[in-house]
């Protein structure tokens, strides 16, 4: 079994890989090596691919994915991404290659959501201003347990958000196609109910996949239905939000604040209006950047590799319907 992975990923997990595998690594120049020795690209036709996190900052993803699509023996690709909206994944699954998504980013993204929500629901900035002014005064705040949350999507990330929210005692409604009850949510409602649910929500979290049915879902009607003074957090994809409609909504306090980790255009242009808007928090698609991300990603690949070799179900396997096949 030939496996293709980056040199950096191999260095991290080499001691945990089973014996007897044909391990081929790719370096930042796109060259292939076996045991540290260069090999001819013609001899590289892997069965298994690990699209690991380190490929992204190194700019290696295009070359790596080109090899995936060029190969003839590929059967399984472990992805670094939680979503499958990139067109390359459709091409991969169209070749009959199994695709597994990552859940490693779910814990840090969940912490990101909770941290930003709490810091906006609690008047921490106003308390600081009182301190700076040496003003001994009471700053009232709303208890998290009295808030109502609405979350679109309930995959690995949504589940981790709900798990962290539960101890606060907040009311959570989940919107998704499968309306089976969830232990971590007060209620689960179908997408057609979305607009009717928005007026009661204090915090709205976009944690759903981007596809034909969700693109632009947060548009004019969506923001028009939001509760004045509410909070929007988008850790899904930028394409979920009509950015012009959001700007108009912010002018009306529908929502009063937006926490945005993803945008239609990334990197966000320096002249984009989001940067300076007083009601917007911008982060650079880095809500997943927790210090445990790499270790969880490595552990997920190793577990799925074990399952793949044993013929067991793979964790987080994508279905062809998710990429439009």
C-alpha atoms as a PDB file:
ATOM      1  CA  UNK A   1       0.000   0.000   0.000  1.00  0.00           C
ATOM      2  CA  UNK A   2       1.538   3.275  -1.121  1.00  0.00           C
ATOM      3  CA  UNK A   3       0.744   6.370   0.956  1.00  0.00           C
ATOM      4  CA  UNK A   4       1.536   9.964  -0.014  1.00  0.00           C
ATOM      5  CA  UNK A   5       1.979  12.590   2.688  1.00  0.00           C
ATOM      6  CA  UNK A   6       4.084  15.653   3.350  1.00  0.00           C
ATOM      7  CA  UNK A   7       7.590  15.428   4.784  1.00  0.00           C
ATOM      8  CA  UNK A   8       6.458  17.420   7.813  1.00  0.00           C
ATOM      9  CA  UNK A   9       3.520  15.106   8.516  1.00  0.00           C
ATOM     10  CA  UNK A  10       5.709  12.037   8.118  1.00  0.00           C
ATOM     11  CA  UNK A  11       8.230  13.433  10.586  1.00  0.00           C
ATOM     12  CA  UNK A  12       5.474  13.752  13.187  1.00  0.00           C
ATOM     13  CA  UNK A  13       3.892  10.305  12.827  1.00  0.00           C
ATOM     14  CA  UNK A  14       6.648   8.090  11.429  1.00  0.00           C
ATOM     15  CA  UNK A  15       6.997   6.179  14.685  1.00  0.00           C
ATOM     16  CA  UNK A  16       3.273   5.417  14.784  1.00  0.00           C
ATOM     17  CA  UNK A  17       2.901   4.146  11.217  1.00  0.00           C
ATOM     18  CA  UNK A  18       2.493   0.394  10.705  1.00  0.00           C
ATOM     19  CA  UNK A  19       5.351  -1.543   9.169  1.00  0.00           C
ATOM     20  CA  UNK A  20       5.228  -2.692   5.571  1.00  0.00           C
ATOM     21  CA  UNK A  21       3.787   0.470   4.020  1.00  0.00           C
ATOM     22  CA  UNK A  22       5.289   2.166   0.972  1.00  0.00           C
ATOM     23  CA  UNK A  23       5.635   5.697   2.333  1.00  0.00           C
ATOM     24  CA  UNK A  24       6.244   8.446  -0.206  1.00  0.00           C
ATOM     25  CA  UNK A  25       6.690  12.025   0.977  1.00  0.00           C
ATOM     26  CA  UNK A  26       6.337  15.326  -0.847  1.00  0.00           C
ATOM     27  CA  UNK A  27       8.623  18.235  -0.014  1.00  0.00           C
ATOM     28  CA  UNK A  28       7.819  21.958  -0.451  1.00  0.00           C
ATOM     29  CA  UNK A  29       9.271  21.910  -3.984  1.00  0.00           C
ATOM     30  CA  UNK A  30       6.852  19.166  -5.025  1.00  0.00           C
ATOM     31  CA  UNK A  31       9.598  16.521  -5.205  1.00  0.00           C
ATOM     32  CA  UNK A  32       8.934  12.981  -3.998  1.00  0.00           C
ATOM     33  CA  UNK A  33      11.098  10.938  -1.650  1.00  0.00           C
ATOM     34  CA  UNK A  34      11.115   7.454  -0.189  1.00  0.00           C
ATOM     35  CA  UNK A  35      13.171   7.072   2.961  1.00  0.00           C
ATOM     36  CA  UNK A  36      14.672  10.484   2.345  1.00  0.00           C
ATOM     37  CA  UNK A  37      15.885   9.537  -1.142  1.00  0.00           C
ATOM     38  CA  UNK A  38      14.442  11.181  -4.252  1.00  0.00           C
ATOM     39  CA  UNK A  39      12.191   9.000  -6.395  1.00  0.00           C
ATOM     40  CA  UNK A  40      10.940   9.374  -9.938  1.00  0.00           C
ATOM     41  CA  UNK A  41       7.453  10.880 -10.117  1.00  0.00           C
ATOM     42  CA  UNK A  42       6.493   8.083 -12.524  1.00  0.00           C
ATOM     43  CA  UNK A  43       6.754   5.593  -9.647  1.00  0.00           C
ATOM     44  CA  UNK A  44       4.325   7.569  -7.475  1.00  0.00           C
ATOM     45  CA  UNK A  45       0.747   6.337  -7.750  1.00  0.00           C
ATOM     46  CA  UNK A  46      -0.596   6.164  -4.182  1.00  0.00           C
ATOM     47  CA  UNK A  47      -3.587   4.292  -2.866  1.00  0.00           C
ATOM     48  CA  UNK A  48      -3.868   6.584   0.177  1.00  0.00           C
ATOM     49  CA  UNK A  49      -3.377  10.337   0.482  1.00  0.00           C
ATOM     50  CA  UNK A  50      -3.093  12.490   3.599  1.00  0.00           C
ATOM     51  CA  UNK A  51      -3.898  16.122   2.875  1.00  0.00           C
ATOM     52  CA  UNK A  52      -2.442  17.400   6.145  1.00  0.00           C
ATOM     53  CA  UNK A  53      -2.566  20.841   7.736  1.00  0.00           C
ATOM     54  CA  UNK A  54       1.071  21.693   7.075  1.00  0.00           C
ATOM     55  CA  UNK A  55       0.506  21.585   3.312  1.00  0.00           C
ATOM     56  CA  UNK A  56      -1.534  24.798   3.438  1.00  0.00           C
ATOM     57  CA  UNK A  57       0.983  27.334   4.820  1.00  0.00           C
ATOM     58  CA  UNK A  58       3.705  25.727   2.709  1.00  0.00           C
ATOM     59  CA  UNK A  59       1.684  26.391  -0.468  1.00  0.00           C
ATOM     60  CA  UNK A  60       1.798  22.705  -1.364  1.00  0.00           C
ATOM     61  CA  UNK A  61      -1.906  21.953  -1.715  1.00  0.00           C
ATOM     62  CA  UNK A  62      -2.170  22.565  -5.502  1.00  0.00           C
ATOM     63  CA  UNK A  63       0.728  20.209  -6.269  1.00  0.00           C
ATOM     64  CA  UNK A  64      -0.536  17.613  -3.817  1.00  0.00           C
ATOM     65  CA  UNK A  65      -4.076  17.671  -5.189  1.00  0.00           C
ATOM     66  CA  UNK A  66      -2.728  17.493  -8.736  1.00  0.00           C
ATOM     67  CA  UNK A  67      -1.067  14.210  -7.796  1.00  0.00           C
ATOM     68  CA  UNK A  68      -4.306  12.931  -6.274  1.00  0.00           C
ATOM     69  CA  UNK A  69      -6.214  13.673  -9.466  1.00  0.00           C
ATOM     70  CA  UNK A  70      -3.423  12.418 -11.714  1.00  0.00           C
ATOM     71  CA  UNK A  71      -3.158   9.032 -10.030  1.00  0.00           C
ATOM     72  CA  UNK A  72      -4.821   5.812 -11.156  1.00  0.00           C
ATOM     73  CA  UNK A  73      -4.771   3.747  -7.933  1.00  0.00           C
ATOM     74  CA  UNK A  74      -6.184   6.226  -5.403  1.00  0.00           C
ATOM     75  CA  UNK A  75      -8.815   4.833  -3.025  1.00  0.00           C
ATOM     76  CA  UNK A  76      -8.887   7.136   0.023  1.00  0.00           C
ATOM     77  CA  UNK A  77      -8.030  10.756   0.831  1.00  0.00           C
ATOM     78  CA  UNK A  78      -7.929  12.093   4.402  1.00  0.00           C
ATOM     79  CA  UNK A  79      -8.622  15.839   4.222  1.00  0.00           C
ATOM     80  CA  UNK A  80      -7.549  18.658   6.514  1.00  0.00           C
ATOM     81  CA  UNK A  81     -10.907  20.391   5.959  1.00  0.00           C
ATOM     82  CA  UNK A  82     -14.210  20.032   7.768  1.00  0.00           C
ATOM     83  CA  UNK A  83     -16.145  21.067   4.645  1.00  0.00           C
ATOM     84  CA  UNK A  84     -16.238  19.698   1.115  1.00  0.00           C
ATOM     85  CA  UNK A  85     -17.342  22.806  -0.815  1.00  0.00           C
ATOM     86  CA  UNK A  86     -14.017  23.115  -2.673  1.00  0.00           C
ATOM     87  CA  UNK A  87     -14.602  21.876  -6.247  1.00  0.00           C
ATOM     88  CA  UNK A  88     -11.472  19.718  -6.013  1.00  0.00           C
ATOM     89  CA  UNK A  89     -13.265  17.403  -3.613  1.00  0.00           C
ATOM     90  CA  UNK A  90     -15.998  16.786  -6.156  1.00  0.00           C
ATOM     91  CA  UNK A  91     -13.334  15.827  -8.664  1.00  0.00           C
ATOM     92  CA  UNK A  92     -11.724  13.508  -6.122  1.00  0.00           C
ATOM     93  CA  UNK A  93     -14.970  11.717  -5.300  1.00  0.00           C
ATOM     94  CA  UNK A  94     -15.862  11.656  -8.980  1.00  0.00           C
ATOM     95  CA  UNK A  95     -12.790   9.437  -9.474  1.00  0.00           C
ATOM     96  CA  UNK A  96     -14.180   6.998  -6.941  1.00  0.00           C
ATOM     97  CA  UNK A  97     -11.784   8.014  -4.179  1.00  0.00           C
ATOM     98  CA  UNK A  98     -13.251   7.898  -0.685  1.00  0.00           C
ATOM     99  CA  UNK A  99     -12.985  11.204   1.177  1.00  0.00           C
ATOM    100  CA  UNK A 100     -12.862  11.677   4.931  1.00  0.00           C
ATOM    101  CA  UNK A 101     -13.283  15.095   6.506  1.00  0.00           C
ATOM    102  CA  UNK A 102     -11.493  16.456   9.551  1.00  0.00           C
ATOM    103  CA  UNK A 103     -13.130  16.964  12.930  1.00  0.00           C
ATOM    104  CA  UNK A 104      -9.876  18.075  14.568  1.00  0.00           C
ATOM    105  CA  UNK A 105     -10.801  21.757  14.330  1.00  0.00           C
ATOM    106  CA  UNK A 106     -14.131  21.387  16.121  1.00  0.00           C
ATOM    107  CA  UNK A 107     -12.907  21.987  19.713  1.00  0.00           C
ATOM    108  CA  UNK A 108     -10.997  25.242  19.031  1.00  0.00           C
ATOM    109  CA  UNK A 109     -13.759  26.599  16.792  1.00  0.00           C
ATOM    110  CA  UNK A 110     -16.289  25.856  19.525  1.00  0.00           C
ATOM    111  CA  UNK A 111     -14.136  27.721  22.052  1.00  0.00           C
ATOM    112  CA  UNK A 112     -13.826  30.629  19.603  1.00  0.00           C
ATOM    113  CA  UNK A 113     -17.624  30.880  19.312  1.00  0.00           C
ATOM    114  CA  UNK A 114     -18.241  30.730  23.043  1.00  0.00           C
ATOM    115  CA  UNK A 115     -15.431  33.170  23.885  1.00  0.00           C
ATOM    116  CA  UNK A 116     -16.590  35.826  21.436  1.00  0.00           C
ATOM    117  CA  UNK A 117     -20.236  35.435  22.383  1.00  0.00           C
ATOM    118  CA  UNK A 118     -19.549  35.738  26.098  1.00  0.00           C
ATOM    119  CA  UNK A 119     -17.294  38.758  25.608  1.00  0.00           C
ATOM    120  CA  UNK A 120     -20.064  40.550  23.713  1.00  0.00           C
ATOM    121  CA  UNK A 121     -22.988  39.500  25.888  1.00  0.00           C
ATOM    122  CA  UNK A 122     -21.058  40.523  28.981  1.00  0.00           C
ATOM    123  CA  UNK A 123     -20.007  44.222  28.921  1.00  0.00           C
ATOM    124  CA  UNK A 124     -16.302  43.562  29.394  1.00  0.00           C
ATOM    125  CA  UNK A 125     -15.275  46.500  27.213  1.00  0.00           C
ATOM    126  CA  UNK A 126     -17.552  48.870  29.136  1.00  0.00           C
ATOM    127  CA  UNK A 127     -16.211  47.589  32.440  1.00  0.00           C
ATOM    128  CA  UNK A 128     -12.707  48.324  31.191  1.00  0.00           C
ATOM    129  CA  UNK A 129     -13.711  51.835  30.204  1.00  0.00           C
ATOM    130  CA  UNK A 130     -15.053  52.396  33.717  1.00  0.00           C
ATOM    131  CA  UNK A 131     -11.763  51.177  35.131  1.00  0.00           C
ATOM    132  CA  UNK A 132      -9.733  53.463  32.883  1.00  0.00           C
ATOM    133  CA  UNK A 133     -11.900  56.402  34.005  1.00  0.00           C
ATOM    134  CA  UNK A 134     -11.525  55.367  37.680  1.00  0.00           C
ATOM    135  CA  UNK A 135     -15.330  55.366  37.728  1.00  0.00           C
ATOM    136  CA  UNK A 136     -16.687  53.194  40.569  1.00  0.00           C
ATOM    137  CA  UNK A 137     -20.023  52.218  39.034  1.00  0.00           C
ATOM    138  CA  UNK A 138     -22.110  49.145  38.450  1.00  0.00           C
ATOM    139  CA  UNK A 139     -22.230  47.819  34.876  1.00  0.00           C
ATOM    140  CA  UNK A 140     -25.277  45.515  34.531  1.00  0.00           C
ATOM    141  CA  UNK A 141     -25.048  42.515  32.251  1.00  0.00           C
ATOM    142  CA  UNK A 142     -27.229  39.796  30.818  1.00  0.00           C
ATOM    143  CA  UNK A 143     -26.727  36.293  32.129  1.00  0.00           C
ATOM    144  CA  UNK A 144     -25.803  33.750  29.460  1.00  0.00           C
ATOM    145  CA  UNK A 145     -28.362  31.347  30.877  1.00  0.00           C
ATOM    146  CA  UNK A 146     -31.188  33.675  29.885  1.00  0.00           C
ATOM    147  CA  UNK A 147     -30.166  33.847  26.220  1.00  0.00           C
ATOM    148  CA  UNK A 148     -31.611  31.937  23.284  1.00  0.00           C
ATOM    149  CA  UNK A 149     -29.237  30.585  20.647  1.00  0.00           C
ATOM    150  CA  UNK A 150     -30.008  29.524  17.093  1.00  0.00           C
ATOM    151  CA  UNK A 151     -27.489  27.397  15.210  1.00  0.00           C
ATOM    152  CA  UNK A 152     -27.582  26.433  11.544  1.00  0.00           C
ATOM    153  CA  UNK A 153     -25.912  23.069  11.106  1.00  0.00           C
ATOM    154  CA  UNK A 154     -25.004  20.448  13.669  1.00  0.00           C
ATOM    155  CA  UNK A 155     -21.990  18.499  12.509  1.00  0.00           C
ATOM    156  CA  UNK A 156     -18.824  17.954  14.534  1.00  0.00           C
ATOM    157  CA  UNK A 157     -18.317  21.694  15.041  1.00  0.00           C
ATOM    158  CA  UNK A 158     -21.927  22.391  15.992  1.00  0.00           C
ATOM    159  CA  UNK A 159     -21.878  19.511  18.445  1.00  0.00           C
ATOM    160  CA  UNK A 160     -18.787  20.867  20.196  1.00  0.00           C
ATOM    161  CA  UNK A 161     -20.336  24.345  20.383  1.00  0.00           C
ATOM    162  CA  UNK A 162     -23.483  22.911  21.952  1.00  0.00           C
ATOM    163  CA  UNK A 163     -21.474  20.848  24.420  1.00  0.00           C
ATOM    164  CA  UNK A 164     -19.662  23.951  25.669  1.00  0.00           C
ATOM    165  CA  UNK A 165     -22.826  26.044  25.737  1.00  0.00           C
ATOM    166  CA  UNK A 166     -24.863  23.559  27.773  1.00  0.00           C
ATOM    167  CA  UNK A 167     -23.326  24.332  31.220  1.00  0.00           C
ATOM    168  CA  UNK A 168     -24.413  27.971  30.857  1.00  0.00           C
ATOM    169  CA  UNK A 169     -28.048  26.885  30.671  1.00  0.00           C
ATOM    170  CA  UNK A 170     -28.797  28.795  27.461  1.00  0.00           C
ATOM    171  CA  UNK A 171     -31.658  27.659  25.210  1.00  0.00           C
ATOM    172  CA  UNK A 172     -30.370  26.197  21.921  1.00  0.00           C
ATOM    173  CA  UNK A 173     -32.391  25.604  18.764  1.00  0.00           C
ATOM    174  CA  UNK A 174     -30.706  23.757  15.909  1.00  0.00           C
ATOM    175  CA  UNK A 175     -31.794  24.151  12.296  1.00  0.00           C
ATOM    176  CA  UNK A 176     -30.946  21.271   9.979  1.00  0.00           C
ATOM    177  CA  UNK A 177     -32.572  18.884   7.523  1.00  0.00           C
ATOM    178  CA  UNK A 178     -32.614  15.932   9.918  1.00  0.00           C
ATOM    179  CA  UNK A 179     -35.067  16.932  12.656  1.00  0.00           C
ATOM    180  CA  UNK A 180     -34.348  13.998  14.947  1.00  0.00           C
ATOM    181  CA  UNK A 181     -33.994  15.213  18.560  1.00  0.00           C
ATOM    182  CA  UNK A 182     -30.538  16.074  19.917  1.00  0.00           C
ATOM    183  CA  UNK A 183     -29.638  15.714  23.585  1.00  0.00           C
ATOM    184  CA  UNK A 184     -27.599  18.920  23.475  1.00  0.00           C
ATOM    185  CA  UNK A 185     -30.367  21.067  21.940  1.00  0.00           C
ATOM    186  CA  UNK A 186     -33.741  22.166  23.264  1.00  0.00           C
ATOM    187  CA  UNK A 187     -35.269  21.680  19.838  1.00  0.00           C
ATOM    188  CA  UNK A 188     -34.352  20.784  16.260  1.00  0.00           C
ATOM    189  CA  UNK A 189     -36.244  22.462  13.439  1.00  0.00           C
ATOM    190  CA  UNK A 190     -36.132  22.147   9.630  1.00  0.00           C
ATOM    191  CA  UNK A 191     -34.683  24.891   7.363  1.00  0.00           C
ATOM    192  CA  UNK A 192     -38.110  26.231   6.272  1.00  0.00           C
ATOM    193  CA  UNK A 193     -38.642  27.365   9.894  1.00  0.00           C
ATOM    194  CA  UNK A 194     -35.521  29.530   9.937  1.00  0.00           C
ATOM    195  CA  UNK A 195     -37.076  32.963   9.388  1.00  0.00           C
ATOM    196  CA  UNK A 196     -39.750  32.299  11.997  1.00  0.00           C
ATOM    197  CA  UNK A 197     -37.081  31.392  14.576  1.00  0.00           C
ATOM    198  CA  UNK A 198     -34.776  34.382  14.065  1.00  0.00           C
ATOM    199  CA  UNK A 199     -36.841  37.029  15.937  1.00  0.00           C
ATOM    200  CA  UNK A 200     -36.382  35.119  19.232  1.00  0.00           C
ATOM    201  CA  UNK A 201     -32.640  34.406  18.896  1.00  0.00           C
ATOM    202  CA  UNK A 202     -30.084  36.410  20.876  1.00  0.00           C
ATOM    203  CA  UNK A 203     -27.133  34.623  19.254  1.00  0.00           C
ATOM    204  CA  UNK A 204     -27.159  33.140  15.746  1.00  0.00           C
ATOM    205  CA  UNK A 205     -24.311  30.820  14.742  1.00  0.00           C
ATOM    206  CA  UNK A 206     -23.679  29.774  11.141  1.00  0.00           C
ATOM    207  CA  UNK A 207     -22.046  26.357  11.336  1.00  0.00           C
ATOM    208  CA  UNK A 208     -23.510  24.697   8.249  1.00  0.00           C
ATOM    209  CA  UNK A 209     -21.926  23.545   5.025  1.00  0.00           C
ATOM    210  CA  UNK A 210     -21.849  25.777   1.963  1.00  0.00           C
ATOM    211  CA  UNK A 211     -23.835  24.305  -0.910  1.00  0.00           C
ATOM    212  CA  UNK A 212     -26.510  25.325  -3.397  1.00  0.00           C
ATOM    213  CA  UNK A 213     -29.203  25.400  -0.703  1.00  0.00           C
ATOM    214  CA  UNK A 214     -27.215  27.446   1.833  1.00  0.00           C
ATOM    215  CA  UNK A 215     -25.315  29.922  -0.333  1.00  0.00           C
ATOM    216  CA  UNK A 216     -26.469  33.414   0.649  1.00  0.00           C
ATOM    217  CA  UNK A 217     -28.870  32.018   3.238  1.00  0.00           C
ATOM    218  CA  UNK A 218     -28.104  34.997   5.475  1.00  0.00           C
ATOM    219  CA  UNK A 219     -29.576  37.584   3.141  1.00  0.00           C
ATOM    220  CA  UNK A 220     -32.015  40.484   3.249  1.00  0.00           C
ATOM    221  CA  UNK A 221     -34.930  38.481   4.660  1.00  0.00           C
ATOM    222  CA  UNK A 222     -32.652  36.763   7.173  1.00  0.00           C
ATOM    223  CA  UNK A 223     -31.305  40.001   8.630  1.00  0.00           C
ATOM    224  CA  UNK A 224     -34.713  41.615   8.477  1.00  0.00           C
ATOM    225  CA  UNK A 225     -36.021  38.868  10.742  1.00  0.00           C
ATOM    226  CA  UNK A 226     -33.175  38.991  13.271  1.00  0.00           C
ATOM    227  CA  UNK A 227     -33.814  40.301  16.746  1.00  0.00           C
ATOM    228  CA  UNK A 228     -32.555  43.841  17.315  1.00  0.00           C
ATOM    229  CA  UNK A 229     -29.498  43.738  19.521  1.00  0.00           C
ATOM    230  CA  UNK A 230     -28.666  40.145  18.592  1.00  0.00           C
ATOM    231  CA  UNK A 231     -25.288  38.664  17.686  1.00  0.00           C
ATOM    232  CA  UNK A 232     -24.221  36.838  14.510  1.00  0.00           C
ATOM    233  CA  UNK A 233     -21.217  34.497  14.457  1.00  0.00           C
ATOM    234  CA  UNK A 234     -20.094  32.934  11.174  1.00  0.00           C
ATOM    235  CA  UNK A 235     -17.554  30.117  11.364  1.00  0.00           C
ATOM    236  CA  UNK A 236     -19.024  28.235   8.388  1.00  0.00           C
ATOM    237  CA  UNK A 237     -18.148  29.778   5.028  1.00  0.00           C
ATOM    238  CA  UNK A 238     -18.194  33.351   3.766  1.00  0.00           C
ATOM    239  CA  UNK A 239     -20.596  32.406   1.001  1.00  0.00           C
ATOM    240  CA  UNK A 240     -23.351  31.798   3.548  1.00  0.00           C
ATOM    241  CA  UNK A 241     -23.679  35.558   4.043  1.00  0.00           C
ATOM    242  CA  UNK A 242     -24.869  38.267   1.662  1.00  0.00           C
ATOM    243  CA  UNK A 243     -22.312  40.840   2.761  1.00  0.00           C
ATOM    244  CA  UNK A 244     -24.284  43.868   1.560  1.00  0.00           C
ATOM    245  CA  UNK A 245     -27.376  42.644   3.415  1.00  0.00           C
ATOM    246  CA  UNK A 246     -25.282  42.170   6.556  1.00  0.00           C
ATOM    247  CA  UNK A 247     -23.993  45.737   6.361  1.00  0.00           C
ATOM    248  CA  UNK A 248     -27.537  47.064   6.049  1.00  0.00           C
ATOM    249  CA  UNK A 249     -28.627  44.876   8.960  1.00  0.00           C
ATOM    250  CA  UNK A 250     -25.836  46.186  11.186  1.00  0.00           C
ATOM    251  CA  UNK A 251     -27.081  49.717  10.528  1.00  0.00           C
ATOM    252  CA  UNK A 252     -30.407  48.657  12.094  1.00  0.00           C
ATOM    253  CA  UNK A 253     -28.864  46.594  14.910  1.00  0.00           C
ATOM    254  CA  UNK A 254     -30.073  43.432  13.157  1.00  0.00           C
ATOM    255  CA  UNK A 255     -27.582  42.122  14.288  1.00  0.00           C
ATOM    256  CA  UNK A 256     -25.972  44.532  16.741  1.00  0.00           C
ATOM    257  CA  UNK A 257     -22.614  42.744  16.350  1.00  0.00           C
ATOM    258  CA  UNK A 258     -21.103  40.289  13.878  1.00  0.00           C
ATOM    259  CA  UNK A 259     -18.159  38.002  14.567  1.00  0.00           C
ATOM    260  CA  UNK A 260     -16.779  36.856  11.229  1.00  0.00           C
ATOM    261  CA  UNK A 261     -14.001  34.322  10.721  1.00  0.00           C
ATOM    262  CA  UNK A 262     -14.844  33.612   7.069  1.00  0.00           C
ATOM    263  CA  UNK A 263     -15.527  35.825   4.064  1.00  0.00           C
ATOM    264  CA  UNK A 264     -16.559  35.571   0.433  1.00  0.00           C
ATOM    265  CA  UNK A 265     -13.084  36.793  -0.597  1.00  0.00           C
ATOM    266  CA  UNK A 266     -10.069  35.524   1.336  1.00  0.00           C
ATOM    267  CA  UNK A 267      -7.623  36.892   2.267  1.00  0.00           C
ATOM    268  CA  UNK A 268      -9.904  39.792   3.101  1.00  0.00           C
ATOM    269  CA  UNK A 269      -8.866  42.817   0.976  1.00  0.00           C
ATOM    270  CA  UNK A 270      -7.317  45.639   2.971  1.00  0.00           C
ATOM    271  CA  UNK A 271      -9.970  48.056   1.721  1.00  0.00           C
ATOM    272  CA  UNK A 272     -12.894  45.818   2.770  1.00  0.00           C
ATOM    273  CA  UNK A 273     -15.468  47.630   4.910  1.00  0.00           C
ATOM    274  CA  UNK A 274     -15.410  44.938   7.594  1.00  0.00           C
ATOM    275  CA  UNK A 275     -12.023  45.962   8.984  1.00  0.00           C
ATOM    276  CA  UNK A 276     -13.127  49.321  10.363  1.00  0.00           C
ATOM    277  CA  UNK A 277     -16.781  48.677  11.130  1.00  0.00           C
ATOM    278  CA  UNK A 278     -17.401  49.294  14.847  1.00  0.00           C
ATOM    279  CA  UNK A 279     -19.877  46.408  15.095  1.00  0.00           C
ATOM    280  CA  UNK A 280     -17.743  43.783  13.366  1.00  0.00           C
ATOM    281  CA  UNK A 281     -14.987  41.533  14.645  1.00  0.00           C
ATOM    282  CA  UNK A 282     -12.719  40.174  11.914  1.00  0.00           C
ATOM    283  CA  UNK A 283     -10.455  37.150  12.238  1.00  0.00           C
ATOM    284  CA  UNK A 284      -8.441  35.607   9.424  1.00  0.00           C
ATOM    285  CA  UNK A 285     -10.180  32.233   9.003  1.00  0.00           C
ATOM    286  CA  UNK A 286      -8.264  31.068  12.068  1.00  0.00           C
ATOM    287  CA  UNK A 287     -10.956  30.043  14.542  1.00  0.00           C
ATOM    288  CA  UNK A 288      -9.411  26.565  14.324  1.00  0.00           C
ATOM    289  CA  UNK A 289      -5.926  27.708  15.374  1.00  0.00           C
ATOM    290  CA  UNK A 290      -5.874  26.043  18.788  1.00  0.00           C
ATOM    291  CA  UNK A 291      -2.702  24.488  20.129  1.00  0.00           C
ATOM    292  CA  UNK A 292      -4.182  20.979  20.051  1.00  0.00           C
ATOM    293  CA  UNK A 293      -5.165  21.022  16.386  1.00  0.00           C
ATOM    294  CA  UNK A 294      -2.102  19.277  14.935  1.00  0.00           C
ATOM    295  CA  UNK A 295      -2.123  16.448  17.463  1.00  0.00           C
ATOM    296  CA  UNK A 296      -5.831  15.745  16.885  1.00  0.00           C
ATOM    297  CA  UNK A 297      -5.342  15.842  13.107  1.00  0.00           C
ATOM    298  CA  UNK A 298      -2.492  13.336  13.320  1.00  0.00           C
ATOM    299  CA  UNK A 299      -4.478  11.061  15.618  1.00  0.00           C
ATOM    300  CA  UNK A 300      -7.476  11.152  13.263  1.00  0.00           C
ATOM    301  CA  UNK A 301      -5.389  10.125  10.256  1.00  0.00           C
ATOM    302  CA  UNK A 302      -3.716   7.296  12.164  1.00  0.00           C
ATOM    303  CA  UNK A 303      -7.063   5.992  13.424  1.00  0.00           C
ATOM    304  CA  UNK A 304      -8.629   6.170   9.973  1.00  0.00           C
ATOM    305  CA  UNK A 305      -5.581   4.454   8.493  1.00  0.00           C
ATOM    306  CA  UNK A 306      -6.043   1.631  10.999  1.00  0.00           C
ATOM    307  CA  UNK A 307      -9.722   1.403  10.091  1.00  0.00           C
ATOM    308  CA  UNK A 308      -8.991   1.512   6.359  1.00  0.00           C
ATOM    309  CA  UNK A 309      -6.515  -1.367   6.578  1.00  0.00           C
ATOM    310  CA  UNK A 310      -8.932  -3.364   8.761  1.00  0.00           C
ATOM    311  CA  UNK A 311     -11.887  -2.762   6.447  1.00  0.00           C
ATOM    312  CA  UNK A 312     -13.801  -0.898   9.158  1.00  0.00           C
ATOM    313  CA  UNK A 313     -15.999   2.215   8.634  1.00  0.00           C
ATOM    314  CA  UNK A 314     -13.954   5.403   8.381  1.00  0.00           C
ATOM    315  CA  UNK A 315     -14.551   8.360  10.679  1.00  0.00           C
ATOM    316  CA  UNK A 316     -16.186  11.442   9.096  1.00  0.00           C
ATOM    317  CA  UNK A 317     -16.536   9.916   5.634  1.00  0.00           C
ATOM    318  CA  UNK A 318     -18.151  12.270   3.125  1.00  0.00           C
ATOM    319  CA  UNK A 319     -21.091  11.169   0.990  1.00  0.00           C
ATOM    320  CA  UNK A 320     -21.226  11.905  -2.703  1.00  0.00           C
ATOM    321  CA  UNK A 321     -24.386  13.952  -2.173  1.00  0.00           C
ATOM    322  CA  UNK A 322     -22.306  16.454  -0.174  1.00  0.00           C
ATOM    323  CA  UNK A 323     -20.318  17.360  -3.285  1.00  0.00           C
ATOM    324  CA  UNK A 324     -23.251  17.226  -5.678  1.00  0.00           C
ATOM    325  CA  UNK A 325     -22.655  13.768  -7.143  1.00  0.00           C
END
